[in-house]
Amino acid sequence: VLTELDERTEDQTGHAIWRQLREITIFGFYTSEQAMQE
């Protein structure tokens, strides 16, 4: 499911929410204390 959403183009349903969730996850991880310790 995640691969399918990632391969969708911007105008296809689900691509925007997938992109938003992925970006928040990446930002949240790399600004976390855990990531900074690693």
PDB file of all heavy atoms in Angstrom:
ATOM      1  N   VAL A   1       0.839  -1.205   0.000  1.00  0.00           N
ATOM      2  CA  VAL A   1       0.000   0.000   0.000  1.00  0.00           C
ATOM      3  C   VAL A   1       0.871   1.251   0.000  1.00  0.00           C
ATOM      4  O   VAL A   1       0.645   2.190  -0.769  1.00  0.00           O
ATOM      5  CB  VAL A   1      -0.965  -0.005   1.207  1.00  0.00           C
ATOM      6  CG1 VAL A   1      -1.605   1.366   1.407  1.00  0.00           C
ATOM      7  CG2 VAL A   1      -2.031  -1.078   1.044  1.00  0.00           C
ATOM      8  N   LEU A   2       1.900   1.267   0.840  1.00  0.00           N
ATOM      9  CA  LEU A   2       2.780   2.433   0.903  1.00  0.00           C
ATOM     10  C   LEU A   2       3.539   2.627  -0.406  1.00  0.00           C
ATOM     11  O   LEU A   2       3.706   3.759  -0.877  1.00  0.00           O
ATOM     12  CB  LEU A   2       3.760   2.310   2.072  1.00  0.00           C
ATOM     13  CG  LEU A   2       3.154   2.272   3.470  1.00  0.00           C
ATOM     14  CD1 LEU A   2       4.243   2.275   4.524  1.00  0.00           C
ATOM     15  CD2 LEU A   2       2.184   3.407   3.695  1.00  0.00           C
ATOM     16  N   THR A   3       3.973   1.544  -1.010  1.00  0.00           N
ATOM     17  CA  THR A   3       4.667   1.628  -2.298  1.00  0.00           C
ATOM     18  C   THR A   3       3.737   2.184  -3.363  1.00  0.00           C
ATOM     19  O   THR A   3       4.127   3.041  -4.163  1.00  0.00           O
ATOM     20  CB  THR A   3       5.213   0.246  -2.713  1.00  0.00           C
ATOM     21  OG1 THR A   3       6.088  -0.228  -1.694  1.00  0.00           O
ATOM     22  CG2 THR A   3       5.938   0.314  -4.038  1.00  0.00           C
ATOM     23  N   GLU A   4       2.501   1.693  -3.372  1.00  0.00           N
ATOM     24  CA  GLU A   4       1.517   2.175  -4.349  1.00  0.00           C
ATOM     25  C   GLU A   4       1.264   3.676  -4.164  1.00  0.00           C
ATOM     26  O   GLU A   4       1.208   4.422  -5.136  1.00  0.00           O
ATOM     27  CB  GLU A   4       0.208   1.397  -4.202  1.00  0.00           C
ATOM     28  CG  GLU A   4      -0.828   1.754  -5.243  1.00  0.00           C
ATOM     29  CD  GLU A   4      -2.092   0.916  -5.110  1.00  0.00           C
ATOM     30  OE1 GLU A   4      -2.004  -0.266  -4.716  1.00  0.00           O
ATOM     31  OE2 GLU A   4      -3.175   1.471  -5.392  1.00  0.00           O
ATOM     32  N   LEU A   5       1.117   4.127  -2.936  1.00  0.00           N
ATOM     33  CA  LEU A   5       0.895   5.551  -2.680  1.00  0.00           C
ATOM     34  C   LEU A   5       2.116   6.378  -3.087  1.00  0.00           C
ATOM     35  O   LEU A   5       1.980   7.477  -3.618  1.00  0.00           O
ATOM     36  CB  LEU A   5       0.574   5.785  -1.201  1.00  0.00           C
ATOM     37  CG  LEU A   5      -0.806   5.353  -0.744  1.00  0.00           C
ATOM     38  CD1 LEU A   5      -0.905   5.412   0.776  1.00  0.00           C
ATOM     39  CD2 LEU A   5      -1.883   6.216  -1.384  1.00  0.00           C
ATOM     40  N   ASP A   6       3.296   5.844  -2.848  1.00  0.00           N
ATOM     41  CA  ASP A   6       4.519   6.558  -3.191  1.00  0.00           C
ATOM     42  C   ASP A   6       4.694   6.699  -4.701  1.00  0.00           C
ATOM     43  O   ASP A   6       5.259   7.689  -5.171  1.00  0.00           O
ATOM     44  CB  ASP A   6       5.731   5.831  -2.585  1.00  0.00           C
ATOM     45  CG  ASP A   6       6.974   6.682  -2.610  1.00  0.00           C
ATOM     46  OD1 ASP A   6       6.915   7.833  -2.125  1.00  0.00           O
ATOM     47  OD2 ASP A   6       8.015   6.197  -3.105  1.00  0.00           O
ATOM     48  N   GLU A   7       4.210   5.730  -5.449  1.00  0.00           N
ATOM     49  CA  GLU A   7       4.356   5.756  -6.903  1.00  0.00           C
ATOM     50  C   GLU A   7       3.283   6.585  -7.604  1.00  0.00           C
ATOM     51  O   GLU A   7       3.387   6.840  -8.794  1.00  0.00           O
ATOM     52  CB  GLU A   7       4.359   4.329  -7.445  1.00  0.00           C
ATOM     53  CG  GLU A   7       5.602   3.553  -7.029  1.00  0.00           C
ATOM     54  CD  GLU A   7       5.550   2.083  -7.408  1.00  0.00           C
ATOM     55  OE1 GLU A   7       4.461   1.583  -7.809  1.00  0.00           O
ATOM     56  OE2 GLU A   7       6.602   1.421  -7.278  1.00  0.00           O
ATOM     57  N   ARG A   8       2.275   7.004  -6.866  1.00  0.00           N
ATOM     58  CA  ARG A   8       1.218   7.816  -7.463  1.00  0.00           C
ATOM     59  C   ARG A   8       1.731   9.217  -7.770  1.00  0.00           C
ATOM     60  O   ARG A   8       2.629   9.726  -7.113  1.00  0.00           O
ATOM     61  CB  ARG A   8       0.009   7.910  -6.535  1.00  0.00           C
ATOM     62  CG  ARG A   8      -0.734   6.599  -6.438  1.00  0.00           C
ATOM     63  CD  ARG A   8      -1.985   6.737  -5.634  1.00  0.00           C
ATOM     64  NE  ARG A   8      -2.717   5.471  -5.681  1.00  0.00           N
ATOM     65  CZ  ARG A   8      -3.954   5.319  -5.273  1.00  0.00           C
ATOM     66  NH1 ARG A   8      -4.619   6.335  -4.753  1.00  0.00           N
ATOM     67  NH2 ARG A   8      -4.546   4.134  -5.366  1.00  0.00           N
ATOM     68  N   THR A   9       1.112   9.824  -8.780  1.00  0.00           N
ATOM     69  CA  THR A   9       1.464  11.202  -9.125  1.00  0.00           C
ATOM     70  C   THR A   9       0.683  12.162  -8.231  1.00  0.00           C
ATOM     71  O   THR A   9      -0.264  11.759  -7.550  1.00  0.00           O
ATOM     72  CB  THR A   9       1.147  11.493 -10.602  1.00  0.00           C
ATOM     73  OG1 THR A   9      -0.250  11.292 -10.819  1.00  0.00           O
ATOM     74  CG2 THR A   9       1.956  10.583 -11.522  1.00  0.00           C
ATOM     75  N   GLU A  10       1.082  13.406  -8.241  1.00  0.00           N
ATOM     76  CA  GLU A  10       0.485  14.399  -7.350  1.00  0.00           C
ATOM     77  C   GLU A  10      -1.021  14.563  -7.540  1.00  0.00           C
ATOM     78  O   GLU A  10      -1.727  14.901  -6.597  1.00  0.00           O
ATOM     79  CB  GLU A  10       1.176  15.748  -7.530  1.00  0.00           C
ATOM     80  CG  GLU A  10       2.567  15.761  -6.975  1.00  0.00           C
ATOM     81  CD  GLU A  10       3.220  17.120  -7.075  1.00  0.00           C
ATOM     82  OE1 GLU A  10       2.496  18.134  -7.074  1.00  0.00           O
ATOM     83  OE2 GLU A  10       4.453  17.155  -7.157  1.00  0.00           O
ATOM     84  N   ASP A  11      -1.510  14.321  -8.730  1.00  0.00           N
ATOM     85  CA  ASP A  11      -2.938  14.519  -8.987  1.00  0.00           C
ATOM     86  C   ASP A  11      -3.782  13.284  -8.640  1.00  0.00           C
ATOM     87  O   ASP A  11      -4.998  13.328  -8.700  1.00  0.00           O
ATOM     88  CB  ASP A  11      -3.171  14.931 -10.445  1.00  0.00           C
ATOM     89  CG  ASP A  11      -2.646  13.916 -11.453  1.00  0.00           C
ATOM     90  OD1 ASP A  11      -1.663  13.216 -11.134  1.00  0.00           O
ATOM     91  OD2 ASP A  11      -3.214  13.838 -12.561  1.00  0.00           O
ATOM     92  N   GLN A  12      -3.152  12.193  -8.255  1.00  0.00           N
ATOM     93  CA  GLN A  12      -3.888  10.983  -7.906  1.00  0.00           C
ATOM     94  C   GLN A  12      -4.256  10.976  -6.428  1.00  0.00           C
ATOM     95  O   GLN A  12      -3.513  11.473  -5.574  1.00  0.00           O
ATOM     96  CB  GLN A  12      -3.075   9.734  -8.247  1.00  0.00           C
ATOM     97  CG  GLN A  12      -2.941   9.500  -9.741  1.00  0.00           C
ATOM     98  CD  GLN A  12      -2.133   8.252 -10.018  1.00  0.00           C
ATOM     99  OE1 GLN A  12      -0.989   8.139  -9.572  1.00  0.00           O
ATOM    100  NE2 GLN A  12      -2.732   7.315 -10.760  1.00  0.00           N
ATOM    101  N   THR A  13      -5.400  10.386  -6.119  1.00  0.00           N
ATOM    102  CA  THR A  13      -5.900  10.306  -4.754  1.00  0.00           C
ATOM    103  C   THR A  13      -4.906   9.571  -3.856  1.00  0.00           C
ATOM    104  O   THR A  13      -4.383   8.527  -4.223  1.00  0.00           O
ATOM    105  CB  THR A  13      -7.242   9.544  -4.726  1.00  0.00           C
ATOM    106  OG1 THR A  13      -8.149  10.185  -5.614  1.00  0.00           O
ATOM    107  CG2 THR A  13      -7.820   9.504  -3.335  1.00  0.00           C
ATOM    108  N   GLY A  14      -4.674  10.139  -2.698  1.00  0.00           N
ATOM    109  CA  GLY A  14      -3.830   9.514  -1.700  1.00  0.00           C
ATOM    110  C   GLY A  14      -2.391   9.973  -1.699  1.00  0.00           C
ATOM    111  O   GLY A  14      -1.692   9.833  -0.697  1.00  0.00           O
ATOM    112  N   HIS A  15      -1.921  10.516  -2.810  1.00  0.00           N
ATOM    113  CA  HIS A  15      -0.523  10.937  -2.872  1.00  0.00           C
ATOM    114  C   HIS A  15      -0.235  12.063  -1.878  1.00  0.00           C
ATOM    115  O   HIS A  15       0.794  12.040  -1.198  1.00  0.00           O
ATOM    116  CB  HIS A  15      -0.136  11.379  -4.287  1.00  0.00           C
ATOM    117  CG  HIS A  15       1.285  11.840  -4.385  1.00  0.00           C
ATOM    118  ND1 HIS A  15       2.336  10.968  -4.414  1.00  0.00           N
ATOM    119  CD2 HIS A  15       1.823  13.083  -4.424  1.00  0.00           C
ATOM    120  CE1 HIS A  15       3.466  11.644  -4.480  1.00  0.00           C
ATOM    121  NE2 HIS A  15       3.181  12.930  -4.490  1.00  0.00           N
ATOM    122  N   ALA A  16      -1.133  13.009  -1.749  1.00  0.00           N
ATOM    123  CA  ALA A  16      -0.910  14.175  -0.869  1.00  0.00           C
ATOM    124  C   ALA A  16      -0.826  13.760   0.600  1.00  0.00           C
ATOM    125  O   ALA A  16       0.069  14.201   1.328  1.00  0.00           O
ATOM    126  CB  ALA A  16      -2.009  15.214  -1.070  1.00  0.00           C
ATOM    127  N   ILE A  17      -1.739  12.903   1.049  1.00  0.00           N
ATOM    128  CA  ILE A  17      -1.709  12.488   2.457  1.00  0.00           C
ATOM    129  C   ILE A  17      -0.476  11.636   2.724  1.00  0.00           C
ATOM    130  O   ILE A  17       0.152  11.750   3.787  1.00  0.00           O
ATOM    131  CB  ILE A  17      -3.011  11.758   2.884  1.00  0.00           C
ATOM    132  CG1 ILE A  17      -3.008  11.474   4.399  1.00  0.00           C
ATOM    133  CG2 ILE A  17      -3.205  10.475   2.129  1.00  0.00           C
ATOM    134  CD1 ILE A  17      -3.045  12.665   5.268  1.00  0.00           C
ATOM    135  N   TRP A  18      -0.114  10.780   1.783  1.00  0.00           N
ATOM    136  CA  TRP A  18       1.088   9.967   1.942  1.00  0.00           C
ATOM    137  C   TRP A  18       2.321  10.860   2.062  1.00  0.00           C
ATOM    138  O   TRP A  18       3.155  10.682   2.935  1.00  0.00           O
ATOM    139  CB  TRP A  18       1.241   8.995   0.781  1.00  0.00           C
ATOM    140  CG  TRP A  18       2.637   8.480   0.621  1.00  0.00           C
ATOM    141  CD1 TRP A  18       3.488   8.712  -0.412  1.00  0.00           C
ATOM    142  CD2 TRP A  18       3.367   7.652   1.551  1.00  0.00           C
ATOM    143  NE1 TRP A  18       4.687   8.084  -0.190  1.00  0.00           N
ATOM    144  CE2 TRP A  18       4.638   7.434   1.014  1.00  0.00           C
ATOM    145  CE3 TRP A  18       3.066   7.096   2.775  1.00  0.00           C
ATOM    146  CZ2 TRP A  18       5.611   6.676   1.651  1.00  0.00           C
ATOM    147  CZ3 TRP A  18       4.031   6.337   3.426  1.00  0.00           C
ATOM    148  CH2 TRP A  18       5.282   6.132   2.859  1.00  0.00           C
ATOM    149  N   ARG A  19       2.419  11.826   1.180  1.00  0.00           N
ATOM    150  CA  ARG A  19       3.573  12.731   1.191  1.00  0.00           C
ATOM    151  C   ARG A  19       3.630  13.529   2.500  1.00  0.00           C
ATOM    152  O   ARG A  19       4.690  13.674   3.092  1.00  0.00           O
ATOM    153  CB  ARG A  19       3.486  13.660  -0.011  1.00  0.00           C
ATOM    154  CG  ARG A  19       4.661  14.546  -0.175  1.00  0.00           C
ATOM    155  CD  ARG A  19       4.585  15.286  -1.475  1.00  0.00           C
ATOM    156  NE  ARG A  19       5.531  16.383  -1.422  1.00  0.00           N
ATOM    157  CZ  ARG A  19       5.515  17.388  -2.222  1.00  0.00           C
ATOM    158  NH1 ARG A  19       4.603  17.469  -3.173  1.00  0.00           N
ATOM    159  NH2 ARG A  19       6.417  18.340  -2.130  1.00  0.00           N
ATOM    160  N   GLN A  20       2.483  14.026   2.942  1.00  0.00           N
ATOM    161  CA  GLN A  20       2.431  14.799   4.183  1.00  0.00           C
ATOM    162  C   GLN A  20       2.832  13.940   5.380  1.00  0.00           C
ATOM    163  O   GLN A  20       3.634  14.359   6.215  1.00  0.00           O
ATOM    164  CB  GLN A  20       1.028  15.377   4.386  1.00  0.00           C
ATOM    165  CG  GLN A  20       0.903  16.242   5.611  1.00  0.00           C
ATOM    166  CD  GLN A  20      -0.508  16.799   5.776  1.00  0.00           C
ATOM    167  OE1 GLN A  20      -1.486  16.211   5.306  1.00  0.00           O
ATOM    168  NE2 GLN A  20      -0.603  17.923   6.451  1.00  0.00           N
ATOM    169  N   LEU A  21       2.297  12.752   5.462  1.00  0.00           N
ATOM    170  CA  LEU A  21       2.610  11.856   6.576  1.00  0.00           C
ATOM    171  C   LEU A  21       4.086  11.448   6.556  1.00  0.00           C
ATOM    172  O   LEU A  21       4.751  11.406   7.591  1.00  0.00           O
ATOM    173  CB  LEU A  21       1.704  10.622   6.527  1.00  0.00           C
ATOM    174  CG  LEU A  21       1.733   9.676   7.716  1.00  0.00           C
ATOM    175  CD1 LEU A  21       1.462  10.410   9.022  1.00  0.00           C
ATOM    176  CD2 LEU A  21       0.712   8.568   7.523  1.00  0.00           C
ATOM    177  N   ARG A  22       4.603  11.184   5.380  1.00  0.00           N
ATOM    178  CA  ARG A  22       6.020  10.819   5.250  1.00  0.00           C
ATOM    179  C   ARG A  22       6.925  11.981   5.664  1.00  0.00           C
ATOM    180  O   ARG A  22       7.893  11.789   6.414  1.00  0.00           O
ATOM    181  CB  ARG A  22       6.321  10.401   3.815  1.00  0.00           C
ATOM    182  CG  ARG A  22       7.750   9.900   3.623  1.00  0.00           C
ATOM    183  CD  ARG A  22       8.038   9.580   2.199  1.00  0.00           C
ATOM    184  NE  ARG A  22       7.979  10.829   1.451  1.00  0.00           N
ATOM    185  CZ  ARG A  22       7.807  10.922   0.145  1.00  0.00           C
ATOM    186  NH1 ARG A  22       7.627   9.832  -0.567  1.00  0.00           N
ATOM    187  NH2 ARG A  22       7.777  12.077  -0.456  1.00  0.00           N
ATOM    188  N   GLU A  23       6.602  13.202   5.231  1.00  0.00           N
ATOM    189  CA  GLU A  23       7.426  14.363   5.566  1.00  0.00           C
ATOM    190  C   GLU A  23       7.381  14.686   7.063  1.00  0.00           C
ATOM    191  O   GLU A  23       8.414  15.003   7.660  1.00  0.00           O
ATOM    192  CB  GLU A  23       6.995  15.574   4.745  1.00  0.00           C
ATOM    193  CG  GLU A  23       7.390  15.456   3.286  1.00  0.00           C
ATOM    194  CD  GLU A  23       6.824  16.564   2.413  1.00  0.00           C
ATOM    195  OE1 GLU A  23       6.110  17.453   2.939  1.00  0.00           O
ATOM    196  OE2 GLU A  23       7.101  16.550   1.205  1.00  0.00           O
ATOM    197  N   ILE A  24       6.212  14.587   7.668  1.00  0.00           N
ATOM    198  CA  ILE A  24       6.103  14.837   9.111  1.00  0.00           C
ATOM    199  C   ILE A  24       6.888  13.772   9.878  1.00  0.00           C
ATOM    200  O   ILE A  24       7.551  14.067  10.868  1.00  0.00           O
ATOM    201  CB  ILE A  24       4.632  14.861   9.576  1.00  0.00           C
ATOM    202  CG1 ILE A  24       3.910  16.063   8.996  1.00  0.00           C
ATOM    203  CG2 ILE A  24       4.532  14.887  11.088  1.00  0.00           C
ATOM    204  CD1 ILE A  24       2.406  16.057   9.267  1.00  0.00           C
ATOM    205  N   THR A  25       6.819  12.537   9.422  1.00  0.00           N
ATOM    206  CA  THR A  25       7.549  11.448  10.072  1.00  0.00           C
ATOM    207  C   THR A  25       9.057  11.684   9.993  1.00  0.00           C
ATOM    208  O   THR A  25       9.766  11.568  11.001  1.00  0.00           O
ATOM    209  CB  THR A  25       7.200  10.090   9.424  1.00  0.00           C
ATOM    210  OG1 THR A  25       5.806   9.847   9.597  1.00  0.00           O
ATOM    211  CG2 THR A  25       8.008   8.960  10.022  1.00  0.00           C
ATOM    212  N   ILE A  26       9.542  12.006   8.828  1.00  0.00           N
ATOM    213  CA  ILE A  26      10.979  12.225   8.645  1.00  0.00           C
ATOM    214  C   ILE A  26      11.447  13.425   9.472  1.00  0.00           C
ATOM    215  O   ILE A  26      12.460  13.351  10.174  1.00  0.00           O
ATOM    216  CB  ILE A  26      11.315  12.393   7.151  1.00  0.00           C
ATOM    217  CG1 ILE A  26      11.094  11.056   6.423  1.00  0.00           C
ATOM    218  CG2 ILE A  26      12.743  12.893   6.952  1.00  0.00           C
ATOM    219  CD1 ILE A  26      11.130  11.149   4.912  1.00  0.00           C
ATOM    220  N   PHE A  27      10.706  14.519   9.419  1.00  0.00           N
ATOM    221  CA  PHE A  27      11.085  15.704  10.190  1.00  0.00           C
ATOM    222  C   PHE A  27      11.033  15.412  11.688  1.00  0.00           C
ATOM    223  O   PHE A  27      11.948  15.765  12.431  1.00  0.00           O
ATOM    224  CB  PHE A  27      10.178  16.896   9.848  1.00  0.00           C
ATOM    225  CG  PHE A  27      10.607  18.158  10.521  1.00  0.00           C
ATOM    226  CD1 PHE A  27      11.631  18.922   9.993  1.00  0.00           C
ATOM    227  CD2 PHE A  27      10.004  18.572  11.697  1.00  0.00           C
ATOM    228  CE1 PHE A  27      12.048  20.085  10.621  1.00  0.00           C
ATOM    229  CE2 PHE A  27      10.409  19.733  12.338  1.00  0.00           C
ATOM    230  CZ  PHE A  27      11.433  20.493  11.802  1.00  0.00           C
ATOM    231  N   GLY A  28       9.962  14.738  12.113  1.00  0.00           N
ATOM    232  CA  GLY A  28       9.826  14.399  13.521  1.00  0.00           C
ATOM    233  C   GLY A  28      10.948  13.503  14.007  1.00  0.00           C
ATOM    234  O   GLY A  28      11.447  13.655  15.121  1.00  0.00           O
ATOM    235  N   PHE A  29      11.364  12.565  13.166  1.00  0.00           N
ATOM    236  CA  PHE A  29      12.442  11.659  13.561  1.00  0.00           C
ATOM    237  C   PHE A  29      13.772  12.393  13.652  1.00  0.00           C
ATOM    238  O   PHE A  29      14.481  12.297  14.651  1.00  0.00           O
ATOM    239  CB  PHE A  29      12.563  10.488  12.579  1.00  0.00           C
ATOM    240  CG  PHE A  29      13.702   9.564  12.914  1.00  0.00           C
ATOM    241  CD1 PHE A  29      13.583   8.660  13.946  1.00  0.00           C
ATOM    242  CD2 PHE A  29      14.899   9.631  12.222  1.00  0.00           C
ATOM    243  CE1 PHE A  29      14.634   7.812  14.284  1.00  0.00           C
ATOM    244  CE2 PHE A  29      15.952   8.795  12.556  1.00  0.00           C
ATOM    245  CZ  PHE A  29      15.816   7.887  13.588  1.00  0.00           C
ATOM    246  N   TYR A  30      14.130  13.123  12.597  1.00  0.00           N
ATOM    247  CA  TYR A  30      15.450  13.741  12.564  1.00  0.00           C
ATOM    248  C   TYR A  30      15.593  14.960  13.469  1.00  0.00           C
ATOM    249  O   TYR A  30      16.698  15.462  13.646  1.00  0.00           O
ATOM    250  CB  TYR A  30      15.858  14.072  11.131  1.00  0.00           C
ATOM    251  CG  TYR A  30      16.278  12.809  10.418  1.00  0.00           C
ATOM    252  CD1 TYR A  30      15.465  12.221   9.464  1.00  0.00           C
ATOM    253  CD2 TYR A  30      17.468  12.182  10.747  1.00  0.00           C
ATOM    254  CE1 TYR A  30      15.845  11.043   8.838  1.00  0.00           C
ATOM    255  CE2 TYR A  30      17.848  11.003  10.128  1.00  0.00           C
ATOM    256  CZ  TYR A  30      17.036  10.446   9.177  1.00  0.00           C
ATOM    257  OH  TYR A  30      17.410   9.278   8.575  1.00  0.00           O
ATOM    258  N   THR A  31      14.513  15.417  14.063  1.00  0.00           N
ATOM    259  CA  THR A  31      14.605  16.477  15.064  1.00  0.00           C
ATOM    260  C   THR A  31      14.383  15.929  16.469  1.00  0.00           C
ATOM    261  O   THR A  31      14.309  16.691  17.420  1.00  0.00           O
ATOM    262  CB  THR A  31      13.593  17.605  14.780  1.00  0.00           C
ATOM    263  OG1 THR A  31      12.274  17.064  14.717  1.00  0.00           O
ATOM    264  CG2 THR A  31      13.932  18.323  13.488  1.00  0.00           C
ATOM    265  N   SER A  32      14.279  14.620  16.589  1.00  0.00           N
ATOM    266  CA  SER A  32      14.063  14.001  17.898  1.00  0.00           C
ATOM    267  C   SER A  32      15.384  13.820  18.640  1.00  0.00           C
ATOM    268  O   SER A  32      16.464  13.790  18.046  1.00  0.00           O
ATOM    269  CB  SER A  32      13.387  12.642  17.741  1.00  0.00           C
ATOM    270  OG  SER A  32      14.306  11.699  17.223  1.00  0.00           O
ATOM    271  N   GLU A  33      15.279  13.677  19.929  1.00  0.00           N
ATOM    272  CA  GLU A  33      16.458  13.447  20.760  1.00  0.00           C
ATOM    273  C   GLU A  33      17.122  12.123  20.407  1.00  0.00           C
ATOM    274  O   GLU A  33      18.350  12.019  20.380  1.00  0.00           O
ATOM    275  CB  GLU A  33      16.051  13.467  22.232  1.00  0.00           C
ATOM    276  CG  GLU A  33      17.213  13.422  23.179  1.00  0.00           C
ATOM    277  CD  GLU A  33      16.783  13.552  24.629  1.00  0.00           C
ATOM    278  OE1 GLU A  33      15.744  14.171  24.907  1.00  0.00           O
ATOM    279  OE2 GLU A  33      17.508  13.019  25.480  1.00  0.00           O
ATOM    280  N   GLN A  34      16.320  11.108  20.108  1.00  0.00           N
ATOM    281  CA  GLN A  34      16.867   9.796  19.749  1.00  0.00           C
ATOM    282  C   GLN A  34      17.770   9.887  18.531  1.00  0.00           C
ATOM    283  O   GLN A  34      18.864   9.336  18.520  1.00  0.00           O
ATOM    284  CB  GLN A  34      15.729   8.803  19.459  1.00  0.00           C
ATOM    285  CG  GLN A  34      14.968   8.365  20.663  1.00  0.00           C
ATOM    286  CD  GLN A  34      15.734   7.342  21.474  1.00  0.00           C
ATOM    287  OE1 GLN A  34      16.649   6.702  20.979  1.00  0.00           O
ATOM    288  NE2 GLN A  34      15.389   7.218  22.732  1.00  0.00           N
ATOM    289  N   ALA A  35      17.308  10.584  17.489  1.00  0.00           N
ATOM    290  CA  ALA A  35      18.098  10.691  16.260  1.00  0.00           C
ATOM    291  C   ALA A  35      19.358  11.506  16.500  1.00  0.00           C
ATOM    292  O   ALA A  35      20.423  11.180  15.975  1.00  0.00           O
ATOM    293  CB  ALA A  35      17.268  11.320  15.153  1.00  0.00           C
ATOM    294  N   MET A  36      19.251  12.561  17.292  1.00  0.00           N
ATOM    295  CA  MET A  36      20.430  13.389  17.562  1.00  0.00           C
ATOM    296  C   MET A  36      21.492  12.616  18.336  1.00  0.00           C
ATOM    297  O   MET A  36      22.672  12.867  18.180  1.00  0.00           O
ATOM    298  CB  MET A  36      20.042  14.645  18.345  1.00  0.00           C
ATOM    299  CG  MET A  36      19.280  15.666  17.529  1.00  0.00           C
ATOM    300  SD  MET A  36      20.299  16.277  16.174  1.00  0.00           S
ATOM    301  CE  MET A  36      19.236  15.967  14.786  1.00  0.00           C
ATOM    302  N   GLN A  37      21.083  11.655  19.164  1.00  0.00           N
ATOM    303  CA  GLN A  37      22.051  10.839  19.880  1.00  0.00           C
ATOM    304  C   GLN A  37      22.735   9.846  18.945  1.00  0.00           C
ATOM    305  O   GLN A  37      23.879   9.469  19.162  1.00  0.00           O
ATOM    306  CB  GLN A  37      21.378  10.093  21.030  1.00  0.00           C
ATOM    307  CG  GLN A  37      20.962  11.009  22.153  1.00  0.00           C
ATOM    308  CD  GLN A  37      20.154  10.284  23.223  1.00  0.00           C
ATOM    309  OE1 GLN A  37      19.814   9.127  23.090  1.00  0.00           O
ATOM    310  NE2 GLN A  37      19.835  11.007  24.291  1.00  0.00           N
ATOM    311  N   GLU A  38      22.031   9.425  17.909  1.00  0.00           N
ATOM    312  CA  GLU A  38      22.584   8.456  16.969  1.00  0.00           C
ATOM    313  C   GLU A  38      23.446   9.105  15.896  1.00  0.00           C
ATOM    314  O   GLU A  38      24.346   8.481  15.355  1.00  0.00           O
ATOM    315  CB  GLU A  38      21.458   7.653  16.299  1.00  0.00           C
ATOM    316  CG  GLU A  38      20.714   6.769  17.251  1.00  0.00           C
ATOM    317  CD  GLU A  38      21.597   5.713  17.891  1.00  0.00           C
ATOM    318  OE1 GLU A  38      22.478   5.155  17.213  1.00  0.00           O
ATOM    319  OE2 GLU A  38      21.423   5.457  19.093  1.00  0.00           O
TER     320      GLU A  38
END
